[in-house]
Each structure stands twice: as structure tokens, then as C-alpha cells.
């Protein structure tokens, strides 16, 4: 598995140099970073050379559960046309600057590109996350204090 610090540094370099794709390979793994364009959120794809055999078995059991998932996926249509605000890093999500402060944003609030929507703490560093889109917060997807992953959707925004 790639070291998260190396991955964060690659993402920083990618954004700082307006790169849309980075593809790194060695004898043990392959990592591809891709983002839609300048200002977009990078997407990470990691491919390890030795693929573990249990993975195909897990995929084989998934079709039996697929009908149940497709029935529960119907409410996801409510998200059509909504723009996600994703976490740019692994860390802890905080909705407000301090425990007793009001949340930066809540459902129904209007945001602009530079509106701070939350804080993600990573390695004792508190990083303000900006909306990077304009619109209305349609849904808050995580709770205060939740651990979040790189690329995990935090909010859904109805564009204006």
C-alpha cells in the first residue's frame, strides 16, 4: 500500500502544477492520479501487482445481492444534478471551528466558491475546506467528528 504522505504530496504537486494525470509504476504497485481539469478533485486508482485470489470470490457473491442494492439505490436518484464536495484528504471532519461554535454550513445554506464549509484535521493540522462551487447545500453526508477518506463526499450542493 502506498504511503499516505507520499500520496498527499503527489496530490499537492499535481494541483500546484495544474497537472490532470500522474501515472507511477514500480515492480510492486501502480498508482494513477487523475483529475477532471484545473481545480478538480484528484481521483486515485491504485493497482497492486499481486491480486489476491479472494477478491474474485467476493465479486461472485455480489450479483446475488444486487437486486436488493438496486431497490435501495432508487433514492439515490434524488442526488441527480447535485455536485459533491469531496474531502481532499484523510482525516477527521469538523462542521465548526470549535466545539461550541455554530457549523460553517448546514442544509439550505447558500455557498460560493470560496465559502469554508468544514475543517478536516489531518496529523494535528486543521485544514479549511472550501466549497469550490456555488449553490445551496442540499445534504450534509457526514457527522461532526467522523473519520473521512480521501475523495469521500462530504456535502451535496444544488448548483445555482
N, C-alpha and C. Protein backbone atom coordinates (compact mmCIF):
# COMPACT_ATOMS: atom_id res chain seq x y z
N UNK A 1 0.85 -1.18 0.00
CA UNK A 1 0.00 0.00 0.00
C UNK A 1 0.89 1.24 0.00
N UNK A 2 0.49 2.24 -0.77
CA UNK A 2 1.28 3.46 -0.87
C UNK A 2 1.16 4.27 0.42
N UNK A 3 2.23 4.91 0.79
CA UNK A 3 2.28 5.75 1.98
C UNK A 3 1.39 6.98 1.76
N UNK A 4 0.49 7.24 2.68
CA UNK A 4 -0.47 8.35 2.54
C UNK A 4 0.25 9.69 2.43
N UNK A 5 1.38 9.83 3.10
CA UNK A 5 2.13 11.10 2.99
C UNK A 5 2.64 11.31 1.58
N UNK A 6 3.11 10.23 0.95
CA UNK A 6 3.57 10.34 -0.44
C UNK A 6 2.40 10.70 -1.35
N UNK A 7 1.26 10.08 -1.10
CA UNK A 7 0.08 10.35 -1.90
C UNK A 7 -0.36 11.80 -1.77
N UNK A 8 -0.38 12.32 -0.54
CA UNK A 8 -0.74 13.71 -0.32
C UNK A 8 0.22 14.65 -1.05
N UNK A 9 1.50 14.33 -1.00
CA UNK A 9 2.49 15.17 -1.67
C UNK A 9 2.28 15.14 -3.18
N UNK A 10 1.97 13.96 -3.73
CA UNK A 10 1.68 13.85 -5.17
C UNK A 10 0.47 14.70 -5.55
N UNK A 11 -0.56 14.66 -4.72
CA UNK A 11 -1.76 15.46 -5.00
C UNK A 11 -1.42 16.94 -4.94
N UNK A 12 -0.63 17.37 -3.94
CA UNK A 12 -0.23 18.78 -3.85
C UNK A 12 0.55 19.21 -5.10
N UNK A 13 1.49 18.38 -5.53
CA UNK A 13 2.27 18.70 -6.72
C UNK A 13 1.37 18.76 -7.96
N UNK A 14 0.43 17.84 -8.02
CA UNK A 14 -0.49 17.79 -9.15
C UNK A 14 -1.31 19.09 -9.24
N UNK A 15 -1.86 19.50 -8.10
CA UNK A 15 -2.68 20.71 -8.07
C UNK A 15 -1.81 21.95 -8.31
N UNK A 16 -0.64 22.01 -7.68
CA UNK A 16 0.24 23.18 -7.82
C UNK A 16 0.72 23.39 -9.25
N UNK A 17 0.87 22.29 -9.99
CA UNK A 17 1.38 22.38 -11.36
C UNK A 17 0.30 22.22 -12.41
N UNK A 18 -0.98 22.25 -11.99
CA UNK A 18 -2.13 22.10 -12.89
C UNK A 18 -2.02 20.87 -13.79
N UNK A 19 -1.55 19.76 -13.21
CA UNK A 19 -1.49 18.51 -13.95
C UNK A 19 -2.84 17.82 -13.88
N UNK A 20 -3.23 17.13 -14.94
CA UNK A 20 -4.50 16.42 -14.93
C UNK A 20 -4.32 14.93 -14.69
N UNK A 21 -3.09 14.41 -14.84
CA UNK A 21 -2.88 12.99 -14.61
C UNK A 21 -1.43 12.70 -14.24
N UNK A 22 -1.26 11.78 -13.30
CA UNK A 22 0.06 11.26 -12.93
C UNK A 22 -0.07 9.75 -12.89
N UNK A 23 0.86 9.04 -13.50
CA UNK A 23 0.85 7.58 -13.51
C UNK A 23 2.23 7.11 -13.06
N UNK A 24 2.29 6.45 -11.88
CA UNK A 24 3.54 5.96 -11.32
C UNK A 24 3.48 4.44 -11.23
N UNK A 25 4.55 3.78 -11.61
CA UNK A 25 4.60 2.31 -11.56
C UNK A 25 5.96 1.86 -11.07
N UNK A 26 5.93 0.78 -10.29
CA UNK A 26 7.16 0.09 -9.95
C UNK A 26 6.84 -1.40 -9.94
N UNK A 27 7.78 -2.20 -9.46
CA UNK A 27 7.59 -3.66 -9.53
C UNK A 27 6.48 -4.16 -8.62
N UNK A 28 6.09 -3.39 -7.60
CA UNK A 28 5.09 -3.84 -6.64
C UNK A 28 3.71 -3.22 -6.80
N UNK A 29 3.63 -2.00 -7.31
CA UNK A 29 2.33 -1.34 -7.40
C UNK A 29 2.31 -0.29 -8.49
N UNK A 30 1.09 0.12 -8.79
CA UNK A 30 0.86 1.18 -9.77
C UNK A 30 -0.14 2.15 -9.17
N UNK A 31 0.14 3.44 -9.27
CA UNK A 31 -0.78 4.46 -8.78
C UNK A 31 -1.03 5.44 -9.91
N UNK A 32 -2.31 5.69 -10.16
CA UNK A 32 -2.69 6.67 -11.17
C UNK A 32 -3.55 7.73 -10.50
N UNK A 33 -3.16 8.99 -10.64
CA UNK A 33 -3.94 10.12 -10.14
C UNK A 33 -4.51 10.83 -11.36
N UNK A 34 -5.80 11.11 -11.31
CA UNK A 34 -6.44 11.80 -12.43
C UNK A 34 -7.45 12.79 -11.87
N UNK A 35 -7.46 13.97 -12.43
CA UNK A 35 -8.48 14.95 -12.06
C UNK A 35 -9.06 15.52 -13.33
N UNK A 36 -10.33 15.94 -13.29
CA UNK A 36 -11.03 16.37 -14.50
C UNK A 36 -10.40 17.58 -15.19
N UNK A 37 -9.74 18.42 -14.45
CA UNK A 37 -9.13 19.61 -15.03
C UNK A 37 -8.65 20.50 -13.92
N UNK A 38 -8.13 21.69 -14.24
CA UNK A 38 -7.64 22.58 -13.20
C UNK A 38 -8.72 22.85 -12.17
N UNK A 39 -8.36 22.67 -10.89
CA UNK A 39 -9.30 22.92 -9.81
C UNK A 39 -10.16 21.74 -9.44
N UNK A 40 -10.15 20.66 -10.26
CA UNK A 40 -10.96 19.48 -9.97
C UNK A 40 -10.34 18.65 -8.86
N UNK A 41 -11.12 17.79 -8.26
CA UNK A 41 -10.63 16.93 -7.19
C UNK A 41 -9.94 15.72 -7.79
N UNK A 42 -8.69 15.44 -7.41
CA UNK A 42 -7.98 14.28 -7.95
C UNK A 42 -8.66 12.97 -7.56
N UNK A 43 -8.58 12.01 -8.47
CA UNK A 43 -9.10 10.67 -8.23
C UNK A 43 -7.92 9.73 -8.20
N UNK A 44 -7.85 8.85 -7.21
CA UNK A 44 -6.72 7.93 -7.05
C UNK A 44 -7.15 6.54 -7.44
N UNK A 45 -6.30 5.90 -8.22
CA UNK A 45 -6.54 4.50 -8.57
C UNK A 45 -5.24 3.77 -8.28
N UNK A 46 -5.29 2.81 -7.37
CA UNK A 46 -4.10 2.06 -7.02
C UNK A 46 -4.29 0.62 -7.46
N UNK A 47 -3.32 0.10 -8.18
CA UNK A 47 -3.38 -1.27 -8.66
C UNK A 47 -2.14 -1.98 -8.18
N UNK A 48 -2.31 -2.95 -7.31
CA UNK A 48 -1.19 -3.74 -6.82
C UNK A 48 -0.96 -4.89 -7.78
N UNK A 49 0.28 -5.24 -8.05
CA UNK A 49 0.61 -6.32 -8.98
C UNK A 49 0.05 -7.66 -8.55
N UNK A 50 0.37 -8.13 -7.33
CA UNK A 50 -0.19 -9.42 -6.94
C UNK A 50 -1.64 -9.27 -6.47
N UNK A 51 -2.60 -9.63 -7.32
CA UNK A 51 -4.01 -9.52 -6.96
C UNK A 51 -4.40 -10.69 -6.07
N UNK A 52 -4.97 -10.43 -4.91
CA UNK A 52 -5.34 -11.51 -4.01
C UNK A 52 -6.49 -12.35 -4.58
N UNK A 53 -6.42 -13.68 -4.48
CA UNK A 53 -7.45 -14.54 -5.03
C UNK A 53 -8.83 -14.35 -4.42
N UNK A 54 -8.99 -13.98 -3.12
CA UNK A 54 -10.33 -13.85 -2.57
C UNK A 54 -11.19 -12.78 -3.25
N UNK A 55 -10.58 -11.79 -3.88
CA UNK A 55 -11.36 -10.72 -4.49
C UNK A 55 -12.36 -11.23 -5.53
N UNK A 56 -11.97 -12.13 -6.48
CA UNK A 56 -12.95 -12.62 -7.44
C UNK A 56 -14.08 -13.38 -6.76
N UNK A 57 -13.81 -14.10 -5.66
CA UNK A 57 -14.86 -14.82 -4.95
C UNK A 57 -15.86 -13.84 -4.35
N UNK A 58 -15.37 -12.72 -3.83
CA UNK A 58 -16.28 -11.72 -3.26
C UNK A 58 -17.14 -11.12 -4.35
N UNK A 59 -16.58 -10.90 -5.54
CA UNK A 59 -17.34 -10.36 -6.66
C UNK A 59 -18.38 -11.36 -7.12
N UNK A 60 -18.06 -12.66 -7.06
CA UNK A 60 -19.00 -13.68 -7.49
C UNK A 60 -20.24 -13.69 -6.61
N UNK A 61 -20.10 -13.37 -5.32
CA UNK A 61 -21.26 -13.37 -4.43
C UNK A 61 -22.06 -12.07 -4.54
N UNK A 62 -21.49 -11.04 -5.11
CA UNK A 62 -22.17 -9.76 -5.19
C UNK A 62 -23.44 -9.79 -6.05
N UNK A 63 -23.48 -10.50 -7.21
CA UNK A 63 -24.70 -10.48 -8.01
C UNK A 63 -25.92 -11.00 -7.26
N UNK A 64 -25.76 -11.92 -6.33
CA UNK A 64 -26.89 -12.41 -5.56
C UNK A 64 -27.51 -11.30 -4.73
N UNK A 65 -26.69 -10.34 -4.30
CA UNK A 65 -27.18 -9.22 -3.50
C UNK A 65 -27.59 -8.04 -4.36
N UNK A 66 -27.28 -8.04 -5.62
CA UNK A 66 -27.52 -6.90 -6.49
C UNK A 66 -28.97 -6.45 -6.53
N UNK A 67 -29.98 -7.34 -6.60
CA UNK A 67 -31.36 -6.86 -6.63
C UNK A 67 -31.71 -6.04 -5.39
N UNK A 68 -31.26 -6.44 -4.23
CA UNK A 68 -31.56 -5.69 -3.02
C UNK A 68 -30.90 -4.32 -3.07
N UNK A 69 -29.68 -4.24 -3.60
CA UNK A 69 -28.99 -2.96 -3.69
C UNK A 69 -29.68 -2.05 -4.70
N UNK A 70 -30.16 -2.61 -5.82
CA UNK A 70 -30.79 -1.77 -6.83
C UNK A 70 -32.09 -1.19 -6.31
N UNK A 71 -32.80 -1.92 -5.44
CA UNK A 71 -34.03 -1.39 -4.85
C UNK A 71 -33.71 -0.24 -3.90
N UNK A 72 -32.63 -0.36 -3.14
CA UNK A 72 -32.27 0.71 -2.22
C UNK A 72 -31.57 1.85 -2.95
N UNK A 73 -31.13 1.63 -4.16
CA UNK A 73 -30.44 2.68 -4.91
C UNK A 73 -31.44 3.69 -5.48
N UNK A 74 -32.73 3.38 -5.50
CA UNK A 74 -33.73 4.28 -6.06
C UNK A 74 -33.68 5.67 -5.42
N UNK A 75 -33.55 5.80 -4.08
CA UNK A 75 -33.49 7.14 -3.50
C UNK A 75 -32.27 7.93 -3.98
N UNK A 76 -31.24 7.26 -4.49
CA UNK A 76 -30.05 7.96 -4.96
C UNK A 76 -30.37 8.86 -6.14
N UNK A 77 -31.50 8.61 -6.82
CA UNK A 77 -31.90 9.45 -7.94
C UNK A 77 -32.16 10.88 -7.48
N UNK A 78 -32.43 11.06 -6.18
CA UNK A 78 -32.64 12.39 -5.63
C UNK A 78 -31.36 13.22 -5.73
N UNK A 79 -30.22 12.56 -5.90
CA UNK A 79 -28.95 13.26 -5.97
C UNK A 79 -28.60 13.68 -7.40
N UNK A 80 -29.44 13.34 -8.37
CA UNK A 80 -29.17 13.71 -9.75
C UNK A 80 -29.07 15.23 -9.85
N UNK A 81 -28.03 15.69 -10.49
CA UNK A 81 -27.82 17.12 -10.69
C UNK A 81 -27.13 17.81 -9.52
N UNK A 82 -26.87 17.08 -8.44
CA UNK A 82 -26.18 17.68 -7.31
C UNK A 82 -24.67 17.51 -7.46
N UNK A 83 -23.93 18.51 -7.00
CA UNK A 83 -22.48 18.50 -7.10
C UNK A 83 -21.90 18.14 -5.73
N UNK A 84 -21.04 17.10 -5.67
CA UNK A 84 -20.46 16.75 -4.38
C UNK A 84 -19.29 17.65 -4.01
N UNK A 85 -19.13 17.88 -2.72
CA UNK A 85 -17.91 18.49 -2.19
C UNK A 85 -17.20 17.34 -1.49
N UNK A 86 -16.04 16.97 -2.01
CA UNK A 86 -15.32 15.80 -1.51
C UNK A 86 -14.15 16.21 -0.61
N UNK A 87 -13.79 15.31 0.27
CA UNK A 87 -12.65 15.55 1.15
C UNK A 87 -11.35 15.42 0.34
N UNK A 88 -10.48 16.41 0.42
CA UNK A 88 -9.22 16.34 -0.32
C UNK A 88 -8.15 15.53 0.41
N UNK A 89 -8.52 14.96 1.58
CA UNK A 89 -7.52 14.24 2.37
C UNK A 89 -8.21 13.30 3.35
N UNK A 90 -7.42 12.43 3.93
CA UNK A 90 -7.88 11.55 5.01
C UNK A 90 -7.78 12.35 6.30
N UNK A 91 -8.78 12.26 7.16
CA UNK A 91 -8.70 12.98 8.43
C UNK A 91 -10.00 12.90 9.19
N UNK A 92 -10.20 13.85 10.08
CA UNK A 92 -11.40 13.93 10.90
C UNK A 92 -12.19 15.16 10.50
N UNK A 93 -13.48 14.96 10.23
CA UNK A 93 -14.38 16.02 9.78
C UNK A 93 -14.89 16.82 10.97
N UNK A 94 -14.80 18.14 10.87
CA UNK A 94 -15.39 19.01 11.88
C UNK A 94 -16.28 20.03 11.17
N UNK A 95 -17.53 20.13 11.62
CA UNK A 95 -18.51 21.02 11.00
C UNK A 95 -18.33 22.47 11.44
N UNK A 96 -17.61 22.69 12.56
CA UNK A 96 -17.42 24.04 13.09
C UNK A 96 -15.98 24.23 13.53
N UNK A 97 -15.61 25.50 13.73
CA UNK A 97 -14.23 25.82 14.10
C UNK A 97 -13.90 25.37 15.53
N UNK A 98 -14.88 25.41 16.42
CA UNK A 98 -14.70 24.96 17.80
C UNK A 98 -15.94 24.15 18.20
N UNK A 99 -15.83 23.34 19.24
CA UNK A 99 -16.98 22.51 19.64
C UNK A 99 -18.24 23.30 19.97
N UNK A 100 -18.10 24.52 20.50
CA UNK A 100 -19.27 25.30 20.87
C UNK A 100 -19.70 26.31 19.80
N UNK A 101 -19.00 26.35 18.68
CA UNK A 101 -19.33 27.28 17.60
C UNK A 101 -20.42 26.70 16.69
N UNK A 102 -21.08 27.58 15.97
CA UNK A 102 -22.09 27.17 15.01
C UNK A 102 -21.40 26.55 13.79
N UNK A 103 -22.05 25.57 13.16
CA UNK A 103 -21.50 24.91 11.97
C UNK A 103 -21.23 25.92 10.87
N UNK A 104 -20.17 25.69 10.08
CA UNK A 104 -19.85 26.57 8.97
C UNK A 104 -21.04 26.67 8.02
N UNK A 105 -21.62 25.51 7.65
CA UNK A 105 -22.79 25.47 6.77
C UNK A 105 -23.73 24.35 7.23
N UNK A 106 -24.99 24.48 6.88
CA UNK A 106 -25.95 23.42 7.12
C UNK A 106 -26.88 23.35 5.90
N UNK A 107 -27.71 22.33 5.87
CA UNK A 107 -28.59 22.14 4.72
C UNK A 107 -29.43 23.40 4.52
N UNK A 108 -29.51 23.82 3.25
CA UNK A 108 -30.27 25.02 2.90
C UNK A 108 -29.42 26.27 2.80
N UNK A 109 -28.18 26.24 3.30
CA UNK A 109 -27.31 27.41 3.23
C UNK A 109 -26.77 27.59 1.81
N UNK A 110 -26.58 28.85 1.42
CA UNK A 110 -26.01 29.17 0.12
C UNK A 110 -24.50 29.29 0.27
N UNK A 111 -23.76 28.69 -0.68
CA UNK A 111 -22.30 28.76 -0.66
C UNK A 111 -21.78 29.29 -1.98
N UNK A 112 -20.59 29.87 -1.92
CA UNK A 112 -19.87 30.32 -3.12
C UNK A 112 -18.58 29.53 -3.19
N UNK A 113 -17.82 29.74 -4.25
CA UNK A 113 -16.56 29.00 -4.46
C UNK A 113 -15.63 29.06 -3.26
N UNK A 114 -15.54 30.23 -2.63
CA UNK A 114 -14.56 30.42 -1.55
C UNK A 114 -15.16 30.28 -0.16
N UNK A 115 -16.38 29.78 -0.04
CA UNK A 115 -17.01 29.59 1.27
C UNK A 115 -16.39 28.39 1.98
N UNK A 116 -15.94 28.59 3.22
CA UNK A 116 -15.42 27.48 4.03
C UNK A 116 -16.62 26.67 4.50
N UNK A 117 -16.62 25.36 4.20
CA UNK A 117 -17.75 24.51 4.55
C UNK A 117 -17.47 23.61 5.75
N UNK A 118 -16.19 23.35 6.02
CA UNK A 118 -15.84 22.50 7.15
C UNK A 118 -14.33 22.55 7.38
N UNK A 119 -13.89 21.77 8.36
CA UNK A 119 -12.46 21.59 8.63
C UNK A 119 -12.19 20.09 8.62
N UNK A 120 -11.09 19.70 8.00
CA UNK A 120 -10.63 18.32 8.08
C UNK A 120 -9.27 18.35 8.77
N UNK A 121 -9.21 17.66 9.92
CA UNK A 121 -7.96 17.59 10.66
C UNK A 121 -7.17 16.39 10.18
N UNK A 122 -5.92 16.64 9.83
CA UNK A 122 -5.02 15.57 9.43
C UNK A 122 -3.68 15.80 10.12
N UNK A 123 -3.26 14.85 10.92
CA UNK A 123 -1.97 14.92 11.61
C UNK A 123 -1.84 16.22 12.41
N UNK A 124 -2.88 16.55 13.16
CA UNK A 124 -2.93 17.71 14.05
C UNK A 124 -2.88 19.04 13.31
N UNK A 125 -3.14 19.01 12.02
CA UNK A 125 -3.24 20.23 11.23
C UNK A 125 -4.69 20.37 10.79
N UNK A 126 -5.28 21.54 11.06
CA UNK A 126 -6.67 21.79 10.73
C UNK A 126 -6.74 22.50 9.38
N UNK A 127 -7.33 21.82 8.40
CA UNK A 127 -7.39 22.32 7.03
C UNK A 127 -8.81 22.79 6.71
N UNK A 128 -8.95 24.07 6.36
CA UNK A 128 -10.26 24.59 5.96
C UNK A 128 -10.57 24.06 4.57
N UNK A 129 -11.78 23.53 4.40
CA UNK A 129 -12.22 23.01 3.12
C UNK A 129 -13.22 23.99 2.53
N UNK A 130 -12.96 24.43 1.32
CA UNK A 130 -13.83 25.40 0.65
C UNK A 130 -14.77 24.68 -0.31
N UNK A 131 -15.90 25.29 -0.59
CA UNK A 131 -16.93 24.68 -1.42
C UNK A 131 -16.45 24.43 -2.85
N UNK A 132 -15.71 25.35 -3.42
CA UNK A 132 -15.22 25.27 -4.79
C UNK A 132 -16.35 25.12 -5.81
N UNK A 133 -17.56 25.49 -5.40
CA UNK A 133 -18.72 25.52 -6.28
C UNK A 133 -19.73 26.48 -5.67
N UNK A 134 -20.65 26.97 -6.47
CA UNK A 134 -21.68 27.87 -5.97
C UNK A 134 -23.02 27.17 -5.99
N UNK A 135 -23.83 27.41 -4.97
CA UNK A 135 -25.15 26.80 -4.92
C UNK A 135 -25.67 26.73 -3.50
N UNK A 136 -26.58 25.78 -3.29
CA UNK A 136 -27.22 25.59 -1.99
C UNK A 136 -26.88 24.21 -1.46
N UNK A 137 -26.50 24.13 -0.19
CA UNK A 137 -26.19 22.83 0.43
C UNK A 137 -27.49 22.02 0.47
N UNK A 138 -27.52 20.92 -0.27
CA UNK A 138 -28.72 20.07 -0.32
C UNK A 138 -28.67 18.99 0.75
N UNK A 139 -27.46 18.50 1.05
CA UNK A 139 -27.35 17.41 2.01
C UNK A 139 -25.96 17.42 2.64
N UNK A 140 -25.91 17.22 3.95
CA UNK A 140 -24.65 17.03 4.68
C UNK A 140 -24.52 15.53 4.86
N UNK A 141 -23.44 14.94 4.33
CA UNK A 141 -23.30 13.49 4.28
C UNK A 141 -22.52 12.88 5.45
N UNK A 142 -21.85 13.70 6.25
CA UNK A 142 -21.06 13.19 7.38
C UNK A 142 -21.40 13.96 8.64
N UNK A 143 -21.09 13.37 9.77
CA UNK A 143 -21.37 13.99 11.07
C UNK A 143 -20.09 14.52 11.68
N UNK A 144 -20.24 15.47 12.57
CA UNK A 144 -19.10 16.07 13.26
C UNK A 144 -18.29 14.99 13.97
N UNK A 145 -16.97 15.00 13.76
CA UNK A 145 -16.09 14.03 14.40
C UNK A 145 -15.89 12.75 13.62
N UNK A 146 -16.59 12.59 12.49
CA UNK A 146 -16.43 11.37 11.68
C UNK A 146 -15.06 11.34 11.01
N UNK A 147 -14.51 10.15 10.87
CA UNK A 147 -13.30 9.96 10.08
C UNK A 147 -13.72 9.96 8.62
N UNK A 148 -12.97 10.69 7.79
CA UNK A 148 -13.28 10.75 6.35
C UNK A 148 -12.08 10.29 5.54
N UNK A 149 -12.35 9.78 4.38
CA UNK A 149 -11.33 9.28 3.47
C UNK A 149 -11.08 10.29 2.36
N UNK A 150 -9.96 10.16 1.69
CA UNK A 150 -9.64 10.97 0.52
C UNK A 150 -10.71 10.73 -0.54
N UNK A 151 -11.30 11.80 -1.05
CA UNK A 151 -12.29 11.68 -2.11
C UNK A 151 -13.70 11.38 -1.63
N UNK A 152 -13.89 11.19 -0.33
CA UNK A 152 -15.23 10.89 0.21
C UNK A 152 -16.10 12.15 0.12
N UNK A 153 -17.32 11.99 -0.36
CA UNK A 153 -18.24 13.11 -0.46
C UNK A 153 -18.66 13.55 0.95
N UNK A 154 -18.56 14.87 1.20
CA UNK A 154 -18.92 15.43 2.48
C UNK A 154 -20.28 16.14 2.42
N UNK A 155 -20.53 16.81 1.30
CA UNK A 155 -21.76 17.58 1.09
C UNK A 155 -22.23 17.37 -0.33
N UNK A 156 -23.52 17.59 -0.56
CA UNK A 156 -24.06 17.64 -1.91
C UNK A 156 -24.64 19.04 -2.08
N UNK A 157 -24.30 19.69 -3.21
CA UNK A 157 -24.70 21.06 -3.47
C UNK A 157 -25.58 21.12 -4.70
N UNK A 158 -26.69 21.83 -4.59
CA UNK A 158 -27.55 22.10 -5.75
C UNK A 158 -26.97 23.35 -6.40
N UNK A 159 -26.40 23.20 -7.61
CA UNK A 159 -25.74 24.36 -8.26
C UNK A 159 -26.72 25.49 -8.52
N UNK A 160 -26.18 26.72 -8.47
CA UNK A 160 -27.03 27.87 -8.75
C UNK A 160 -26.70 28.47 -10.08
